Amino acid sequence: MAKYCSNCGSELENGAVFCGKCGKKVEADNSYVNYNPNAKSKMAAGLLGIFLGAFGVHNFYLGYNGKAVAQLLITVLSCFLLSFVSSIWGLIEGILILTGNINVDADGNRLVD
């Protein structure tokens, strides 16, 4: 089972004494957790993609701000005439998230069930 730093949430290597990302000592004070506190919900991201995908809400949630802004601009700047493009894009990404084909956020943290 992977262990994560309680300070920054990054995954710790086996037997690590210090966190490789933030440098916090983990062995002596037992400061690690068995879950990633920065993990985002797969269910929330998938449902946001299915229902609000035209506005890129699921991509904002996962930290993919470039894709999110693109979806939002396609919808808003076309006065909603091209919103079906972003909606289909969001629907497909929502399904991919729920099926596990997209399973990490922009920071590389795995999505949790």
N, C-alpha and C. Protein backbone atom coordinates (compact mmCIF):
# COMPACT_ATOMS: atom_id res chain seq x y z
N MET A 1 0.84 -1.18 0.00
CA MET A 1 0.00 0.00 0.00
C MET A 1 0.88 1.24 0.00
N ALA A 2 0.56 2.19 -0.85
CA ALA A 2 1.35 3.41 -0.95
C ALA A 2 1.13 4.29 0.28
N LYS A 3 2.18 5.01 0.65
CA LYS A 3 2.10 5.96 1.75
C LYS A 3 2.32 7.35 1.20
N TYR A 4 1.66 8.34 1.78
CA TYR A 4 1.72 9.70 1.30
C TYR A 4 2.14 10.63 2.43
N CYS A 5 2.86 11.66 2.09
CA CYS A 5 3.33 12.64 3.07
C CYS A 5 2.13 13.41 3.63
N SER A 6 2.07 13.54 4.94
CA SER A 6 0.96 14.27 5.55
C SER A 6 1.10 15.77 5.37
N ASN A 7 2.28 16.23 4.97
CA ASN A 7 2.50 17.66 4.79
C ASN A 7 2.10 18.14 3.39
N CYS A 8 2.57 17.43 2.35
CA CYS A 8 2.31 17.89 0.99
C CYS A 8 1.45 16.92 0.16
N GLY A 9 1.26 15.70 0.64
CA GLY A 9 0.41 14.74 -0.06
C GLY A 9 1.08 13.95 -1.15
N SER A 10 2.37 14.14 -1.37
CA SER A 10 3.04 13.38 -2.43
C SER A 10 3.34 11.96 -1.96
N GLU A 11 3.43 11.05 -2.92
CA GLU A 11 3.66 9.64 -2.59
C GLU A 11 5.10 9.46 -2.10
N LEU A 12 5.25 8.69 -1.03
CA LEU A 12 6.56 8.43 -0.45
C LEU A 12 7.14 7.15 -1.02
N GLU A 13 8.44 7.13 -1.21
CA GLU A 13 9.10 5.90 -1.64
C GLU A 13 9.21 4.96 -0.45
N ASN A 14 9.31 3.66 -0.71
CA ASN A 14 9.45 2.68 0.37
C ASN A 14 10.70 2.96 1.18
N GLY A 15 10.56 3.03 2.49
CA GLY A 15 11.68 3.25 3.39
C GLY A 15 12.20 4.67 3.41
N ALA A 16 11.49 5.62 2.84
CA ALA A 16 11.95 7.00 2.81
C ALA A 16 11.97 7.59 4.21
N VAL A 17 13.02 8.35 4.49
CA VAL A 17 13.14 9.03 5.77
C VAL A 17 12.62 10.46 5.64
N PHE A 18 12.77 11.04 4.44
CA PHE A 18 12.30 12.38 4.17
C PHE A 18 11.40 12.35 2.94
N CYS A 19 10.44 13.24 2.90
CA CYS A 19 9.59 13.38 1.72
C CYS A 19 10.44 13.96 0.60
N GLY A 20 10.36 13.37 -0.58
CA GLY A 20 11.14 13.83 -1.72
C GLY A 20 10.68 15.16 -2.26
N LYS A 21 9.46 15.56 -1.96
CA LYS A 21 8.93 16.81 -2.50
C LYS A 21 9.11 17.98 -1.53
N CYS A 22 8.70 17.80 -0.27
CA CYS A 22 8.74 18.92 0.67
C CYS A 22 9.87 18.81 1.69
N GLY A 23 10.49 17.64 1.81
CA GLY A 23 11.62 17.47 2.71
C GLY A 23 11.27 17.18 4.15
N LYS A 24 9.99 17.00 4.46
CA LYS A 24 9.59 16.72 5.84
C LYS A 24 10.06 15.33 6.25
N LYS A 25 10.56 15.23 7.46
CA LYS A 25 11.00 13.94 7.99
C LYS A 25 9.76 13.09 8.30
N VAL A 26 9.77 11.84 7.84
CA VAL A 26 8.56 11.02 7.99
C VAL A 26 8.76 9.80 8.87
N GLU A 27 9.95 9.24 8.96
CA GLU A 27 10.15 8.02 9.74
C GLU A 27 10.04 8.27 11.24
N ALA A 28 10.78 9.25 11.75
CA ALA A 28 10.88 9.45 13.19
C ALA A 28 9.56 9.86 13.82
N ASP A 29 8.83 10.77 13.17
CA ASP A 29 7.59 11.24 13.79
C ASP A 29 6.36 10.54 13.20
N ASN A 30 6.60 9.52 12.35
CA ASN A 30 5.52 8.71 11.79
C ASN A 30 4.50 9.57 11.03
N SER A 31 4.98 10.63 10.39
CA SER A 31 4.05 11.56 9.74
C SER A 31 3.80 11.16 8.29
N TYR A 32 3.05 10.15 8.11
CA TYR A 32 2.59 9.76 6.79
C TYR A 32 1.16 9.26 6.94
N VAL A 33 0.46 9.24 5.85
CA VAL A 33 -0.91 8.75 5.83
C VAL A 33 -1.02 7.70 4.74
N ASN A 34 -1.99 6.83 4.83
CA ASN A 34 -2.17 5.78 3.84
C ASN A 34 -3.10 6.18 2.71
N TYR A 35 -3.45 7.43 2.64
CA TYR A 35 -4.25 7.94 1.54
C TYR A 35 -3.69 9.29 1.15
N ASN A 36 -3.97 9.70 -0.03
CA ASN A 36 -3.49 10.98 -0.51
C ASN A 36 -4.51 12.05 -0.15
N PRO A 37 -4.16 12.99 0.72
CA PRO A 37 -5.12 14.03 1.10
C PRO A 37 -5.46 14.98 -0.04
N ASN A 38 -4.67 14.98 -1.11
CA ASN A 38 -4.94 15.86 -2.26
C ASN A 38 -5.74 15.16 -3.35
N ALA A 39 -6.12 13.90 -3.13
CA ALA A 39 -6.83 13.13 -4.15
C ALA A 39 -8.23 13.70 -4.37
N LYS A 40 -8.64 13.68 -5.62
CA LYS A 40 -9.97 14.16 -5.98
C LYS A 40 -10.87 12.96 -6.30
N SER A 41 -12.16 13.17 -6.23
CA SER A 41 -13.13 12.11 -6.42
C SER A 41 -13.36 11.82 -7.91
N LYS A 42 -13.26 10.54 -8.25
CA LYS A 42 -13.54 10.11 -9.61
C LYS A 42 -15.02 10.31 -9.95
N MET A 43 -15.89 10.01 -8.99
CA MET A 43 -17.32 10.15 -9.22
C MET A 43 -17.71 11.61 -9.46
N ALA A 44 -17.17 12.50 -8.64
CA ALA A 44 -17.48 13.93 -8.80
C ALA A 44 -16.99 14.44 -10.15
N ALA A 45 -15.77 14.09 -10.52
CA ALA A 45 -15.22 14.55 -11.79
C ALA A 45 -16.01 14.01 -12.97
N GLY A 46 -16.38 12.73 -12.91
CA GLY A 46 -17.15 12.14 -14.01
C GLY A 46 -18.52 12.76 -14.16
N LEU A 47 -19.22 12.96 -13.05
CA LEU A 47 -20.55 13.57 -13.12
C LEU A 47 -20.50 15.03 -13.55
N LEU A 48 -19.47 15.75 -13.11
CA LEU A 48 -19.31 17.14 -13.57
C LEU A 48 -19.08 17.16 -15.08
N GLY A 49 -18.31 16.20 -15.59
CA GLY A 49 -18.06 16.12 -17.02
C GLY A 49 -19.33 15.82 -17.81
N ILE A 50 -20.14 14.93 -17.28
CA ILE A 50 -21.37 14.55 -17.99
C ILE A 50 -22.39 15.67 -17.97
N PHE A 51 -22.59 16.30 -16.82
CA PHE A 51 -23.66 17.29 -16.69
C PHE A 51 -23.25 18.74 -16.96
N LEU A 52 -21.99 19.08 -16.70
CA LEU A 52 -21.53 20.46 -16.90
C LEU A 52 -20.31 20.53 -17.80
N GLY A 53 -20.13 19.52 -18.63
CA GLY A 53 -18.96 19.44 -19.49
C GLY A 53 -18.85 20.57 -20.49
N ALA A 54 -19.96 21.15 -20.90
CA ALA A 54 -19.92 22.24 -21.87
C ALA A 54 -19.19 23.45 -21.32
N PHE A 55 -19.14 23.58 -20.01
CA PHE A 55 -18.47 24.71 -19.36
C PHE A 55 -17.09 24.32 -18.83
N GLY A 56 -16.67 23.08 -19.00
CA GLY A 56 -15.34 22.63 -18.59
C GLY A 56 -15.17 22.50 -17.08
N VAL A 57 -16.27 22.40 -16.35
CA VAL A 57 -16.20 22.37 -14.89
C VAL A 57 -15.36 21.20 -14.39
N HIS A 58 -15.49 20.03 -15.02
CA HIS A 58 -14.73 18.87 -14.58
C HIS A 58 -13.23 19.08 -14.77
N ASN A 59 -12.84 19.79 -15.82
CA ASN A 59 -11.42 20.06 -16.04
C ASN A 59 -10.89 21.10 -15.06
N PHE A 60 -11.70 22.10 -14.71
CA PHE A 60 -11.31 23.03 -13.64
C PHE A 60 -11.11 22.25 -12.34
N TYR A 61 -12.03 21.34 -12.03
CA TYR A 61 -11.95 20.54 -10.81
C TYR A 61 -10.67 19.71 -10.76
N LEU A 62 -10.28 19.14 -11.89
CA LEU A 62 -9.09 18.29 -11.94
C LEU A 62 -7.79 19.08 -12.15
N GLY A 63 -7.89 20.37 -12.39
CA GLY A 63 -6.71 21.20 -12.55
C GLY A 63 -6.22 21.37 -13.97
N TYR A 64 -6.96 20.86 -14.94
CA TYR A 64 -6.60 21.03 -16.34
C TYR A 64 -7.21 22.34 -16.84
N ASN A 65 -6.62 23.45 -16.42
CA ASN A 65 -7.21 24.76 -16.67
C ASN A 65 -7.22 25.15 -18.14
N GLY A 66 -6.23 24.74 -18.91
CA GLY A 66 -6.19 25.06 -20.33
C GLY A 66 -7.37 24.45 -21.08
N LYS A 67 -7.60 23.17 -20.86
CA LYS A 67 -8.74 22.50 -21.51
C LYS A 67 -10.06 23.10 -21.02
N ALA A 68 -10.12 23.42 -19.73
CA ALA A 68 -11.35 23.97 -19.17
C ALA A 68 -11.69 25.32 -19.80
N VAL A 69 -10.69 26.17 -19.93
CA VAL A 69 -10.92 27.49 -20.54
C VAL A 69 -11.33 27.32 -22.00
N ALA A 70 -10.72 26.37 -22.71
CA ALA A 70 -11.10 26.13 -24.10
C ALA A 70 -12.57 25.72 -24.21
N GLN A 71 -13.01 24.81 -23.34
CA GLN A 71 -14.41 24.38 -23.38
C GLN A 71 -15.34 25.53 -23.03
N LEU A 72 -14.97 26.31 -22.05
CA LEU A 72 -15.80 27.45 -21.64
C LEU A 72 -15.88 28.48 -22.75
N LEU A 73 -14.77 28.79 -23.38
CA LEU A 73 -14.77 29.79 -24.45
C LEU A 73 -15.53 29.32 -25.69
N ILE A 74 -15.41 28.04 -26.02
CA ILE A 74 -16.18 27.52 -27.16
C ILE A 74 -17.67 27.72 -26.91
N THR A 75 -18.10 27.45 -25.69
CA THR A 75 -19.52 27.57 -25.36
C THR A 75 -19.97 29.04 -25.31
N VAL A 76 -19.25 29.86 -24.59
CA VAL A 76 -19.70 31.24 -24.34
C VAL A 76 -19.49 32.14 -25.55
N LEU A 77 -18.31 32.09 -26.18
CA LEU A 77 -18.05 33.01 -27.29
C LEU A 77 -18.88 32.71 -28.53
N SER A 78 -19.39 31.50 -28.65
CA SER A 78 -20.25 31.17 -29.79
C SER A 78 -21.72 31.45 -29.45
N CYS A 79 -21.95 32.11 -28.32
CA CYS A 79 -23.33 32.38 -27.86
C CYS A 79 -24.13 31.09 -27.77
N PHE A 80 -23.47 30.03 -27.31
CA PHE A 80 -24.06 28.71 -27.08
C PHE A 80 -24.41 27.97 -28.36
N LEU A 81 -24.07 28.52 -29.54
CA LEU A 81 -24.35 27.83 -30.79
C LEU A 81 -23.46 26.59 -30.96
N LEU A 82 -22.24 26.65 -30.42
CA LEU A 82 -21.32 25.52 -30.52
C LEU A 82 -21.20 24.77 -29.20
N SER A 83 -22.15 24.99 -28.31
CA SER A 83 -22.07 24.33 -27.01
C SER A 83 -22.19 22.81 -27.13
N PHE A 84 -22.81 22.33 -28.21
CA PHE A 84 -22.91 20.88 -28.39
C PHE A 84 -21.54 20.26 -28.56
N VAL A 85 -20.57 21.00 -29.12
CA VAL A 85 -19.21 20.49 -29.28
C VAL A 85 -18.59 20.27 -27.91
N SER A 86 -18.67 21.28 -27.06
CA SER A 86 -18.12 21.16 -25.71
C SER A 86 -18.90 20.15 -24.89
N SER A 87 -20.20 20.05 -25.11
CA SER A 87 -21.02 19.08 -24.37
C SER A 87 -20.62 17.65 -24.70
N ILE A 88 -20.43 17.37 -25.97
CA ILE A 88 -20.00 16.03 -26.38
C ILE A 88 -18.61 15.74 -25.84
N TRP A 89 -17.73 16.72 -25.91
CA TRP A 89 -16.37 16.61 -25.37
C TRP A 89 -16.43 16.28 -23.88
N GLY A 90 -17.25 17.02 -23.13
CA GLY A 90 -17.40 16.79 -21.70
C GLY A 90 -18.03 15.44 -21.39
N LEU A 91 -19.02 15.04 -22.17
CA LEU A 91 -19.68 13.75 -21.98
C LEU A 91 -18.67 12.61 -22.16
N ILE A 92 -17.88 12.69 -23.21
CA ILE A 92 -16.88 11.65 -23.46
C ILE A 92 -15.86 11.61 -22.34
N GLU A 93 -15.35 12.78 -21.93
CA GLU A 93 -14.37 12.79 -20.83
C GLU A 93 -14.99 12.30 -19.53
N GLY A 94 -16.25 12.65 -19.28
CA GLY A 94 -16.92 12.17 -18.07
C GLY A 94 -17.01 10.65 -18.04
N ILE A 95 -17.36 10.06 -19.17
CA ILE A 95 -17.44 8.60 -19.25
C ILE A 95 -16.05 7.98 -19.09
N LEU A 96 -15.04 8.60 -19.71
CA LEU A 96 -13.67 8.08 -19.58
C LEU A 96 -13.18 8.15 -18.13
N ILE A 97 -13.57 9.19 -17.42
CA ILE A 97 -13.20 9.31 -16.01
C ILE A 97 -13.88 8.22 -15.19
N LEU A 98 -15.16 8.02 -15.40
CA LEU A 98 -15.90 7.03 -14.62
C LEU A 98 -15.47 5.60 -14.92
N THR A 99 -15.01 5.34 -16.14
CA THR A 99 -14.56 4.00 -16.49
C THR A 99 -13.10 3.76 -16.10
N GLY A 100 -12.40 4.80 -15.68
CA GLY A 100 -11.03 4.64 -15.22
C GLY A 100 -9.97 4.88 -16.27
N ASN A 101 -10.36 5.25 -17.48
CA ASN A 101 -9.36 5.53 -18.52
C ASN A 101 -8.63 6.84 -18.26
N ILE A 102 -9.29 7.79 -17.62
CA ILE A 102 -8.64 9.00 -17.11
C ILE A 102 -8.64 8.83 -15.61
N ASN A 103 -7.48 8.64 -15.01
CA ASN A 103 -7.46 8.32 -13.58
C ASN A 103 -6.50 9.17 -12.75
N VAL A 104 -6.00 10.27 -13.31
CA VAL A 104 -5.14 11.18 -12.55
C VAL A 104 -5.57 12.62 -12.81
N ASP A 105 -5.29 13.49 -11.83
CA ASP A 105 -5.56 14.91 -12.03
C ASP A 105 -4.33 15.58 -12.64
N ALA A 106 -4.37 16.89 -12.78
CA ALA A 106 -3.28 17.61 -13.43
C ALA A 106 -1.97 17.52 -12.66
N ASP A 107 -2.03 17.29 -11.35
CA ASP A 107 -0.83 17.17 -10.53
C ASP A 107 -0.29 15.75 -10.46
N GLY A 108 -0.95 14.81 -11.11
CA GLY A 108 -0.51 13.42 -11.10
C GLY A 108 -1.07 12.61 -9.96
N ASN A 109 -1.97 13.18 -9.15
CA ASN A 109 -2.60 12.44 -8.06
C ASN A 109 -3.68 11.53 -8.62
N ARG A 110 -3.70 10.29 -8.14
CA ARG A 110 -4.71 9.34 -8.61
C ARG A 110 -6.09 9.74 -8.09
N LEU A 111 -7.10 9.55 -8.91
CA LEU A 111 -8.47 9.82 -8.49
C LEU A 111 -8.95 8.69 -7.59
N VAL A 112 -9.71 9.02 -6.57
CA VAL A 112 -10.21 8.00 -5.64
C VAL A 112 -11.68 7.72 -5.95
N ASP A 113 -12.11 6.51 -5.60
CA ASP A 113 -13.51 6.12 -5.84
C ASP A 113 -14.45 6.82 -4.90
